[in-house]
Every structure is written in C-alpha cells, then in structure tokens.
Amino acid sequence: MDHSQRTSRVLPIAALALLLGQSCVTVRPEQRAILADPIMQFGADAHARAALEHALENREGSSGAGSVQGGGCGCN
C-alpha cells in the first residue's frame, strides 16, 4: 500500500472522528428548559404543534402528555 492509498483511507476516518467529536456537548441544567421548548423539537411546523399543545393543555387542564418532560420524580 503506497502513501496515497493510505491517505485516502485515513482522511475520511479522521474527518468522521473529528465531526463526531464536535457533536458532543454538556448541557447545563438551566439550559435544558430552553432546549425542551416545543419550538426546538424536530418537525415540519413546530409553531403549529406548540399552539395545538397549548390549546389541549388549556382544554384538558393538564400539560406534558404529548412529550417527555421532567425527570419522572413527580416534583414538577
């Protein structure tokens, strides 16, 4: 295996490792509320879904049934 073949194999692996290493981040607890906002969820129309969830919360008198929220300890 010559130098150019070795480089052509190592370069994509190194680029992938660099990309995956950059995607890891620690989120502070006070930032989690912002990231849990319905607007931050993946979807075609997050604003419409947030409005629908708000309407359902008001009608049903409850909240949080449509997505995972809180830590599950019952303290929210």
PDB file of N, CA and C in Angstrom:
ATOM      1  N   MET A   1       0.854  -1.167   0.000  1.00  0.00           N
ATOM      2  CA  MET A   1       0.000   0.000   0.000  1.00  0.00           C
ATOM      3  C   MET A   1       0.901   1.230   0.000  1.00  0.00           C
ATOM      4  N   ASP A   2       0.713   2.083  -0.968  1.00  0.00           N
ATOM      5  CA  ASP A   2       1.542   3.272  -1.047  1.00  0.00           C
ATOM      6  C   ASP A   2       0.930   4.411  -0.214  1.00  0.00           C
ATOM      7  N   HIS A   3       1.630   5.510  -0.173  1.00  0.00           N
ATOM      8  CA  HIS A   3       1.246   6.644   0.679  1.00  0.00           C
ATOM      9  C   HIS A   3      -0.105   7.250   0.289  1.00  0.00           C
ATOM     10  N   SER A   4      -0.396   7.367  -0.987  1.00  0.00           N
ATOM     11  CA  SER A   4      -1.650   7.997  -1.429  1.00  0.00           C
ATOM     12  C   SER A   4      -2.865   7.128  -1.080  1.00  0.00           C
ATOM     13  N   GLN A   5      -2.729   5.799  -1.168  1.00  0.00           N
ATOM     14  CA  GLN A   5      -3.829   4.920  -0.793  1.00  0.00           C
ATOM     15  C   GLN A   5      -4.094   4.977   0.705  1.00  0.00           C
ATOM     16  N   ARG A   6      -3.027   5.027   1.488  1.00  0.00           N
ATOM     17  CA  ARG A   6      -3.166   5.095   2.933  1.00  0.00           C
ATOM     18  C   ARG A   6      -3.838   6.408   3.334  1.00  0.00           C
ATOM     19  N   THR A   7      -3.426   7.494   2.696  1.00  0.00           N
ATOM     20  CA  THR A   7      -4.010   8.802   2.978  1.00  0.00           C
ATOM     21  C   THR A   7      -5.481   8.834   2.596  1.00  0.00           C
ATOM     22  N   SER A   8      -5.839   8.218   1.479  1.00  0.00           N
ATOM     23  CA  SER A   8      -7.233   8.225   1.031  1.00  0.00           C
ATOM     24  C   SER A   8      -8.128   7.403   1.957  1.00  0.00           C
ATOM     25  N   ARG A   9      -7.566   6.490   2.714  1.00  0.00           N
ATOM     26  CA  ARG A   9      -8.357   5.730   3.686  1.00  0.00           C
ATOM     27  C   ARG A   9      -8.399   6.405   5.049  1.00  0.00           C
ATOM     28  N   VAL A  10      -7.317   6.999   5.451  1.00  0.00           N
ATOM     29  CA  VAL A  10      -7.224   7.597   6.781  1.00  0.00           C
ATOM     30  C   VAL A  10      -7.962   8.939   6.845  1.00  0.00           C
ATOM     31  N   LEU A  11      -7.922   9.714   5.790  1.00  0.00           N
ATOM     32  CA  LEU A  11      -8.523  11.043   5.791  1.00  0.00           C
ATOM     33  C   LEU A  11     -10.034  11.026   6.062  1.00  0.00           C
ATOM     34  N   PRO A  12     -10.829  10.174   5.396  1.00  0.00           N
ATOM     35  CA  PRO A  12     -12.270  10.154   5.718  1.00  0.00           C
ATOM     36  C   PRO A  12     -12.559   9.682   7.146  1.00  0.00           C
ATOM     37  N   ILE A  13     -11.777   8.745   7.639  1.00  0.00           N
ATOM     38  CA  ILE A  13     -11.971   8.262   9.004  1.00  0.00           C
ATOM     39  C   ILE A  13     -11.632   9.362  10.004  1.00  0.00           C
ATOM     40  N   ALA A  14     -10.568  10.092   9.770  1.00  0.00           N
ATOM     41  CA  ALA A  14     -10.191  11.194  10.653  1.00  0.00           C
ATOM     42  C   ALA A  14     -11.232  12.307  10.605  1.00  0.00           C
ATOM     43  N   ALA A  15     -11.768  12.598   9.422  1.00  0.00           N
ATOM     44  CA  ALA A  15     -12.799  13.632   9.292  1.00  0.00           C
ATOM     45  C   ALA A  15     -14.067  13.222  10.037  1.00  0.00           C
ATOM     46  N   LEU A  16     -14.459  11.959   9.946  1.00  0.00           N
ATOM     47  CA  LEU A  16     -15.634  11.465  10.655  1.00  0.00           C
ATOM     48  C   LEU A  16     -15.431  11.517  12.165  1.00  0.00           C
ATOM     49  N   ALA A  17     -14.249  11.132  12.632  1.00  0.00           N
ATOM     50  CA  ALA A  17     -13.955  11.191  14.059  1.00  0.00           C
ATOM     51  C   ALA A  17     -13.987  12.631  14.565  1.00  0.00           C
ATOM     52  N   LEU A  18     -13.472  13.548  13.795  1.00  0.00           N
ATOM     53  CA  LEU A  18     -13.498  14.956  14.172  1.00  0.00           C
ATOM     54  C   LEU A  18     -14.936  15.478  14.226  1.00  0.00           C
ATOM     55  N   LEU A  19     -15.745  15.107  13.257  1.00  0.00           N
ATOM     56  CA  LEU A  19     -17.144  15.533  13.217  1.00  0.00           C
ATOM     57  C   LEU A  19     -17.920  14.979  14.404  1.00  0.00           C
ATOM     58  N   LEU A  20     -17.747  13.711  14.710  1.00  0.00           N
ATOM     59  CA  LEU A  20     -18.452  13.105  15.836  1.00  0.00           C
ATOM     60  C   LEU A  20     -17.977  13.663  17.169  1.00  0.00           C
ATOM     61  N   GLY A  21     -16.718  13.994  17.260  1.00  0.00           N
ATOM     62  CA  GLY A  21     -16.187  14.577  18.494  1.00  0.00           C
ATOM     63  C   GLY A  21     -16.733  15.968  18.754  1.00  0.00           C
ATOM     64  N   GLN A  22     -17.040  16.714  17.714  1.00  0.00           N
ATOM     65  CA  GLN A  22     -17.577  18.059  17.865  1.00  0.00           C
ATOM     66  C   GLN A  22     -19.050  18.049  18.238  1.00  0.00           C
ATOM     67  N   SER A  23     -19.757  16.945  18.045  1.00  0.00           N
ATOM     68  CA  SER A  23     -21.185  16.908  18.318  1.00  0.00           C
ATOM     69  C   SER A  23     -21.506  16.612  19.770  1.00  0.00           C
ATOM     70  N   CYS A  24     -20.529  16.313  20.583  1.00  0.00           N
ATOM     71  CA  CYS A  24     -20.755  16.038  21.999  1.00  0.00           C
ATOM     72  C   CYS A  24     -20.657  17.335  22.790  1.00  0.00           C
ATOM     73  N   VAL A  25     -21.677  17.610  23.578  1.00  0.00           N
ATOM     74  CA  VAL A  25     -21.680  18.830  24.368  1.00  0.00           C
ATOM     75  C   VAL A  25     -22.400  18.554  25.684  1.00  0.00           C
ATOM     76  N   THR A  26     -21.960  19.204  26.737  1.00  0.00           N
ATOM     77  CA  THR A  26     -22.609  19.101  28.027  1.00  0.00           C
ATOM     78  C   THR A  26     -23.577  20.263  28.171  1.00  0.00           C
ATOM     79  N   VAL A  27     -24.819  19.954  28.516  1.00  0.00           N
ATOM     80  CA  VAL A  27     -25.850  20.973  28.663  1.00  0.00           C
ATOM     81  C   VAL A  27     -26.089  21.192  30.155  1.00  0.00           C
ATOM     82  N   ARG A  28     -25.962  22.457  30.570  1.00  0.00           N
ATOM     83  CA  ARG A  28     -26.202  22.788  31.970  1.00  0.00           C
ATOM     84  C   ARG A  28     -27.695  22.674  32.283  1.00  0.00           C
ATOM     85  N   PRO A  29     -28.058  22.382  33.547  1.00  0.00           N
ATOM     86  CA  PRO A  29     -29.471  22.218  33.897  1.00  0.00           C
ATOM     87  C   PRO A  29     -30.332  23.431  33.559  1.00  0.00           C
ATOM     88  N   GLU A  30     -29.810  24.631  33.711  1.00  0.00           N
ATOM     89  CA  GLU A  30     -30.621  25.808  33.410  1.00  0.00           C
ATOM     90  C   GLU A  30     -30.838  26.001  31.918  1.00  0.00           C
ATOM     91  N   GLN A  31     -30.051  25.335  31.079  1.00  0.00           N
ATOM     92  CA  GLN A  31     -30.228  25.412  29.629  1.00  0.00           C
ATOM     93  C   GLN A  31     -31.218  24.370  29.112  1.00  0.00           C
ATOM     94  N   ARG A  32     -31.507  23.362  29.916  1.00  0.00           N
ATOM     95  CA  ARG A  32     -32.377  22.282  29.459  1.00  0.00           C
ATOM     96  C   ARG A  32     -33.802  22.750  29.236  1.00  0.00           C
ATOM     97  N   ALA A  33     -34.259  23.714  30.002  1.00  0.00           N
ATOM     98  CA  ALA A  33     -35.614  24.232  29.810  1.00  0.00           C
ATOM     99  C   ALA A  33     -35.743  24.890  28.450  1.00  0.00           C
ATOM    100  N   ILE A  34     -34.710  25.584  28.024  1.00  0.00           N
ATOM    101  CA  ILE A  34     -34.742  26.231  26.713  1.00  0.00           C
ATOM    102  C   ILE A  34     -34.741  25.172  25.611  1.00  0.00           C
ATOM    103  N   LEU A  35     -33.949  24.130  25.765  1.00  0.00           N
ATOM    104  CA  LEU A  35     -33.870  23.085  24.744  1.00  0.00           C
ATOM    105  C   LEU A  35     -35.114  22.209  24.725  1.00  0.00           C
ATOM    106  N   ALA A  36     -35.877  22.152  25.821  1.00  0.00           N
ATOM    107  CA  ALA A  36     -37.101  21.358  25.878  1.00  0.00           C
ATOM    108  C   ALA A  36     -38.306  22.120  25.346  1.00  0.00           C
ATOM    109  N   ASP A  37     -38.127  23.371  24.946  1.00  0.00           N
ATOM    110  CA  ASP A  37     -39.211  24.173  24.383  1.00  0.00           C
ATOM    111  C   ASP A  37     -39.734  23.481  23.122  1.00  0.00           C
ATOM    112  N   PRO A  38     -41.056  23.414  22.919  1.00  0.00           N
ATOM    113  CA  PRO A  38     -41.594  22.756  21.724  1.00  0.00           C
ATOM    114  C   PRO A  38     -41.066  23.331  20.416  1.00  0.00           C
ATOM    115  N   ILE A  39     -40.662  24.576  20.417  1.00  0.00           N
ATOM    116  CA  ILE A  39     -40.125  25.184  19.206  1.00  0.00           C
ATOM    117  C   ILE A  39     -38.813  24.504  18.802  1.00  0.00           C
ATOM    118  N   MET A  40     -38.092  23.941  19.771  1.00  0.00           N
ATOM    119  CA  MET A  40     -36.810  23.310  19.492  1.00  0.00           C
ATOM    120  C   MET A  40     -36.951  21.861  19.005  1.00  0.00           C
ATOM    121  N   GLN A  41     -38.171  21.328  18.951  1.00  0.00           N
ATOM    122  CA  GLN A  41     -38.389  19.954  18.534  1.00  0.00           C
ATOM    123  C   GLN A  41     -38.333  19.857  17.012  1.00  0.00           C
ATOM    124  N   PHE A  42     -37.897  18.704  16.524  1.00  0.00           N
ATOM    125  CA  PHE A  42     -37.870  18.462  15.089  1.00  0.00           C
ATOM    126  C   PHE A  42     -39.294  18.279  14.592  1.00  0.00           C
ATOM    127  N   GLY A  43     -39.593  18.825  13.463  1.00  0.00           N
ATOM    128  CA  GLY A  43     -40.918  18.662  12.874  1.00  0.00           C
ATOM    129  C   GLY A  43     -41.104  19.683  11.772  1.00  0.00           C
ATOM    130  N   ALA A  44     -42.135  19.459  10.995  1.00  0.00           N
ATOM    131  CA  ALA A  44     -42.385  20.345   9.869  1.00  0.00           C
ATOM    132  C   ALA A  44     -42.857  21.719  10.328  1.00  0.00           C
ATOM    133  N   ASP A  45     -43.714  21.767  11.351  1.00  0.00           N
ATOM    134  CA  ASP A  45     -44.268  23.037  11.792  1.00  0.00           C
ATOM    135  C   ASP A  45     -44.335  23.058  13.318  1.00  0.00           C
ATOM    136  N   ALA A  46     -43.243  23.393  13.935  1.00  0.00           N
ATOM    137  CA  ALA A  46     -43.168  23.372  15.400  1.00  0.00           C
ATOM    138  C   ALA A  46     -44.084  24.415  16.026  1.00  0.00           C
ATOM    139  N   HIS A  47     -44.277  25.560  15.372  1.00  0.00           N
ATOM    140  CA  HIS A  47     -45.151  26.599  15.918  1.00  0.00           C
ATOM    141  C   HIS A  47     -46.600  26.118  15.980  1.00  0.00           C
ATOM    142  N   ALA A  48     -47.065  25.462  14.938  1.00  0.00           N
ATOM    143  CA  ALA A  48     -48.442  24.962  14.920  1.00  0.00           C
ATOM    144  C   ALA A  48     -48.630  23.871  15.969  1.00  0.00           C
ATOM    145  N   ARG A  49     -47.652  22.996  16.111  1.00  0.00           N
ATOM    146  CA  ARG A  49     -47.763  21.933  17.105  1.00  0.00           C
ATOM    147  C   ARG A  49     -47.754  22.511  18.509  1.00  0.00           C
ATOM    148  N   ALA A  50     -46.925  23.533  18.749  1.00  0.00           N
ATOM    149  CA  ALA A  50     -46.884  24.167  20.061  1.00  0.00           C
ATOM    150  C   ALA A  50     -48.220  24.834  20.376  1.00  0.00           C
ATOM    151  N   ALA A  51     -48.833  25.469  19.375  1.00  0.00           N
ATOM    152  CA  ALA A  51     -50.140  26.098  19.582  1.00  0.00           C
ATOM    153  C   ALA A  51     -51.204  25.045  19.876  1.00  0.00           C
ATOM    154  N   LEU A  52     -51.160  23.919  19.177  1.00  0.00           N
ATOM    155  CA  LEU A  52     -52.117  22.846  19.409  1.00  0.00           C
ATOM    156  C   LEU A  52     -51.949  22.268  20.809  1.00  0.00           C
ATOM    157  N   GLU A  53     -50.714  22.020  21.222  1.00  0.00           N
ATOM    158  CA  GLU A  53     -50.466  21.502  22.565  1.00  0.00           C
ATOM    159  C   GLU A  53     -50.940  22.487  23.626  1.00  0.00           C
ATOM    160  N   HIS A  54     -50.742  23.772  23.391  1.00  0.00           N
ATOM    161  CA  HIS A  54     -51.206  24.790  24.333  1.00  0.00           C
ATOM    162  C   HIS A  54     -52.732  24.757  24.443  1.00  0.00           C
ATOM    163  N   ALA A  55     -53.409  24.630  23.320  1.00  0.00           N
ATOM    164  CA  ALA A  55     -54.869  24.552  23.334  1.00  0.00           C
ATOM    165  C   ALA A  55     -55.347  23.302  24.058  1.00  0.00           C
ATOM    166  N   LEU A  56     -54.686  22.185  23.823  1.00  0.00           N
ATOM    167  CA  LEU A  56     -55.069  20.951  24.509  1.00  0.00           C
ATOM    168  C   LEU A  56     -54.820  21.040  26.005  1.00  0.00           C
ATOM    169  N   GLU A  57     -53.714  21.654  26.405  1.00  0.00           N
ATOM    170  CA  GLU A  57     -53.431  21.824  27.826  1.00  0.00           C
ATOM    171  C   GLU A  57     -54.518  22.662  28.494  1.00  0.00           C
ATOM    172  N   ASN A  58     -54.957  23.720  27.822  1.00  0.00           N
ATOM    173  CA  ASN A  58     -55.995  24.562  28.393  1.00  0.00           C
ATOM    174  C   ASN A  58     -57.332  23.846  28.456  1.00  0.00           C
ATOM    175  N   ARG A  59     -57.659  23.087  27.434  1.00  0.00           N
ATOM    176  CA  ARG A  59     -58.940  22.390  27.389  1.00  0.00           C
ATOM    177  C   ARG A  59     -58.982  21.237  28.389  1.00  0.00           C
ATOM    178  N   GLU A  60     -57.901  20.475  28.460  1.00  0.00           N
ATOM    179  CA  GLU A  60     -57.862  19.299  29.310  1.00  0.00           C
ATOM    180  C   GLU A  60     -57.499  19.617  30.756  1.00  0.00           C
ATOM    181  N   GLY A  61     -56.898  20.765  30.975  1.00  0.00           N
ATOM    182  CA  GLY A  61     -56.479  21.102  32.335  1.00  0.00           C
ATOM    183  C   GLY A  61     -55.229  20.361  32.759  1.00  0.00           C
ATOM    184  N   SER A  62     -54.453  19.918  31.801  1.00  0.00           N
ATOM    185  CA  SER A  62     -53.225  19.190  32.116  1.00  0.00           C
ATOM    186  C   SER A  62     -52.148  19.627  31.148  1.00  0.00           C
ATOM    187  N   SER A  63     -50.940  19.180  31.405  1.00  0.00           N
ATOM    188  CA  SER A  63     -49.847  19.504  30.498  1.00  0.00           C
ATOM    189  C   SER A  63     -48.853  18.364  30.472  1.00  0.00           C
ATOM    190  N   GLY A  64     -48.090  18.298  29.392  1.00  0.00           N
ATOM    191  CA  GLY A  64     -46.990  17.349  29.316  1.00  0.00           C
ATOM    192  C   GLY A  64     -47.346  15.980  28.807  1.00  0.00           C
ATOM    193  N   ALA A  65     -48.560  15.745  28.353  1.00  0.00           N
ATOM    194  CA  ALA A  65     -48.928  14.406  27.915  1.00  0.00           C
ATOM    195  C   ALA A  65     -48.406  14.092  26.515  1.00  0.00           C
ATOM    196  N   GLY A  66     -48.084  15.106  25.738  1.00  0.00           N
ATOM    197  CA  GLY A  66     -47.673  14.869  24.361  1.00  0.00           C
ATOM    198  C   GLY A  66     -46.211  14.580  24.178  1.00  0.00           C
ATOM    199  N   SER A  67     -45.388  14.882  25.157  1.00  0.00           N
ATOM    200  CA  SER A  67     -43.959  14.646  25.020  1.00  0.00           C
ATOM    201  C   SER A  67     -43.365  14.366  26.388  1.00  0.00           C
ATOM    202  N   VAL A  68     -42.121  13.942  26.388  1.00  0.00           N
ATOM    203  CA  VAL A  68     -41.427  13.630  27.626  1.00  0.00           C
ATOM    204  C   VAL A  68     -40.955  14.920  28.268  1.00  0.00           C
ATOM    205  N   GLN A  69     -41.378  15.160  29.492  1.00  0.00           N
ATOM    206  CA  GLN A  69     -40.954  16.350  30.213  1.00  0.00           C
ATOM    207  C   GLN A  69     -40.661  15.973  31.655  1.00  0.00           C
ATOM    208  N   GLY A  70     -39.749  16.663  32.258  1.00  0.00           N
ATOM    209  CA  GLY A  70     -39.427  16.426  33.659  1.00  0.00           C
ATOM    210  C   GLY A  70     -38.555  15.209  33.843  1.00  0.00           C
ATOM    211  N   GLY A  71     -38.268  14.922  35.093  1.00  0.00           N
ATOM    212  CA  GLY A  71     -37.378  13.817  35.408  1.00  0.00           C
ATOM    213  C   GLY A  71     -38.084  12.545  35.827  1.00  0.00           C
ATOM    214  N   GLY A  72     -39.410  12.571  35.939  1.00  0.00           N
ATOM    215  CA  GLY A  72     -40.143  11.376  36.322  1.00  0.00           C
ATOM    216  C   GLY A  72     -40.264  11.200  37.813  1.00  0.00           C
ATOM    217  N   CYS A  73     -39.782  12.178  38.602  1.00  0.00           N
ATOM    218  CA  CYS A  73     -39.843  12.036  40.052  1.00  0.00           C
ATOM    219  C   CYS A  73     -41.123  12.627  40.634  1.00  0.00           C
ATOM    220  N   GLY A  74     -41.934  13.309  39.829  1.00  0.00           N
ATOM    221  CA  GLY A  74     -43.170  13.900  40.307  1.00  0.00           C
ATOM    222  C   GLY A  74     -42.999  15.248  40.961  1.00  0.00           C
ATOM    223  N   CYS A  75     -41.823  15.828  40.874  1.00  0.00           N
ATOM    224  CA  CYS A  75     -41.555  17.101  41.548  1.00  0.00           C
ATOM    225  C   CYS A  75     -41.837  18.310  40.664  1.00  0.00           C
ATOM    226  N   ASN A  76     -42.248  18.102  39.413  1.00  0.00           N
ATOM    227  CA  ASN A  76     -42.503  19.251  38.524  1.00  0.00           C
ATOM    228  C   ASN A  76     -43.883  19.775  38.745  1.00  0.00           C
TER     229      ASN A  76
END
